[in-house]
């Protein structure tokens, strides 16, 4: 399954990219799976996409421009955006 990733605000700066096309490996079917997959890249990707031990997540996601939860399913061609909880204009 191929999806489009968008990164906004400070995430874009930390990751060094605003967008990416990605073919997902088998078994990646939800936002939680996607986050784990991206974190497995290591380095700054792990820093950004690994949920904090405190349980207070500071990363938000949207799928097809609708706010998403960790269990939101992904579909072929989905646009998945990640952003911090507060973004400026």
Protein backbone atom coordinates (compact mmCIF):
# COMPACT_ATOMS: atom_id res chain seq x y z
CA UNK A 1 0.00 0.00 0.00
CA UNK A 2 1.34 3.42 -0.93
CA UNK A 3 0.56 6.53 1.13
CA UNK A 4 1.58 10.18 1.19
CA UNK A 5 3.11 11.59 4.37
CA UNK A 6 3.08 15.28 5.27
CA UNK A 7 5.10 16.81 8.12
CA UNK A 8 4.23 20.23 9.52
CA UNK A 9 5.81 22.93 11.68
CA UNK A 10 8.65 21.79 13.94
CA UNK A 11 8.37 18.20 12.67
CA UNK A 12 9.20 19.36 9.15
CA UNK A 13 12.27 21.15 10.49
CA UNK A 14 13.48 18.25 12.64
CA UNK A 15 12.97 15.63 9.93
CA UNK A 16 14.33 17.81 7.14
CA UNK A 17 11.40 17.14 4.83
CA UNK A 18 7.84 18.34 4.31
CA UNK A 19 6.52 15.27 2.50
CA UNK A 20 7.28 11.74 1.48
CA UNK A 21 5.67 9.01 -0.60
CA UNK A 22 5.95 5.69 1.20
CA UNK A 23 5.15 2.11 0.30
CA UNK A 24 4.16 0.46 3.57
CA UNK A 25 5.43 -2.98 4.48
CA UNK A 26 2.97 -5.76 5.27
CA UNK A 27 1.46 -5.40 8.70
CA UNK A 28 1.38 -1.60 8.76
CA UNK A 29 -2.31 -0.79 8.67
CA UNK A 30 -3.01 1.83 11.35
CA UNK A 31 -1.57 5.15 12.48
CA UNK A 32 0.06 3.35 15.44
CA UNK A 33 1.69 0.84 13.08
CA UNK A 34 2.90 3.68 10.88
CA UNK A 35 4.41 5.54 13.82
CA UNK A 36 6.25 2.39 14.93
CA UNK A 37 7.50 1.87 11.38
CA UNK A 38 8.78 5.45 11.12
CA UNK A 39 10.38 5.25 14.59
CA UNK A 40 12.25 2.12 13.48
CA UNK A 41 14.29 4.31 11.13
CA UNK A 42 16.21 5.41 14.23
CA UNK A 43 17.83 8.75 15.01
CA UNK A 44 15.57 11.78 14.86
CA UNK A 45 12.78 9.59 13.43
CA UNK A 46 12.77 7.54 16.63
CA UNK A 47 12.83 10.73 18.71
CA UNK A 48 9.80 12.13 16.88
CA UNK A 49 7.64 9.03 16.45
CA UNK A 50 8.25 7.00 19.62
CA UNK A 51 5.50 7.82 22.14
CA UNK A 52 6.92 9.36 25.33
CA UNK A 53 7.18 7.22 28.48
CA UNK A 54 5.06 9.80 30.32
CA UNK A 55 2.02 8.73 28.32
CA UNK A 56 1.39 12.32 27.24
CA UNK A 57 1.75 12.23 23.49
CA UNK A 58 2.75 15.46 21.80
CA UNK A 59 2.26 14.30 18.24
CA UNK A 60 -0.99 14.60 16.32
CA UNK A 61 -2.04 12.90 13.11
CA UNK A 62 -4.67 13.40 10.45
CA UNK A 63 -5.74 10.91 7.79
CA UNK A 64 -7.47 12.38 4.74
CA UNK A 65 -7.58 15.72 6.61
CA UNK A 66 -9.55 14.26 9.55
CA UNK A 67 -7.98 14.07 12.99
CA UNK A 68 -6.87 10.52 13.62
CA UNK A 69 -6.31 8.27 16.61
CA UNK A 70 -3.70 5.54 16.90
CA UNK A 71 -6.20 2.92 15.74
CA UNK A 72 -7.30 4.86 12.64
CA UNK A 73 -6.88 2.53 9.64
CA UNK A 74 -4.81 3.45 6.61
CA UNK A 75 -5.90 2.87 3.02
CA UNK A 76 -4.19 2.89 -0.37
CA UNK A 77 -3.38 6.45 -1.39
CA UNK A 78 -4.14 7.91 2.04
CA UNK A 79 -2.68 11.27 2.94
CA UNK A 80 -1.31 11.12 6.48
CA UNK A 81 -0.21 14.34 8.14
CA UNK A 82 1.76 14.61 11.36
CA UNK A 83 2.00 17.83 13.36
CA UNK A 84 2.64 19.11 16.89
CA UNK A 85 -0.46 19.85 18.99
CA UNK A 86 -0.17 23.60 18.43
CA UNK A 87 0.84 24.99 15.08
CA UNK A 88 1.23 28.65 14.30
CA UNK A 89 0.07 30.55 11.25
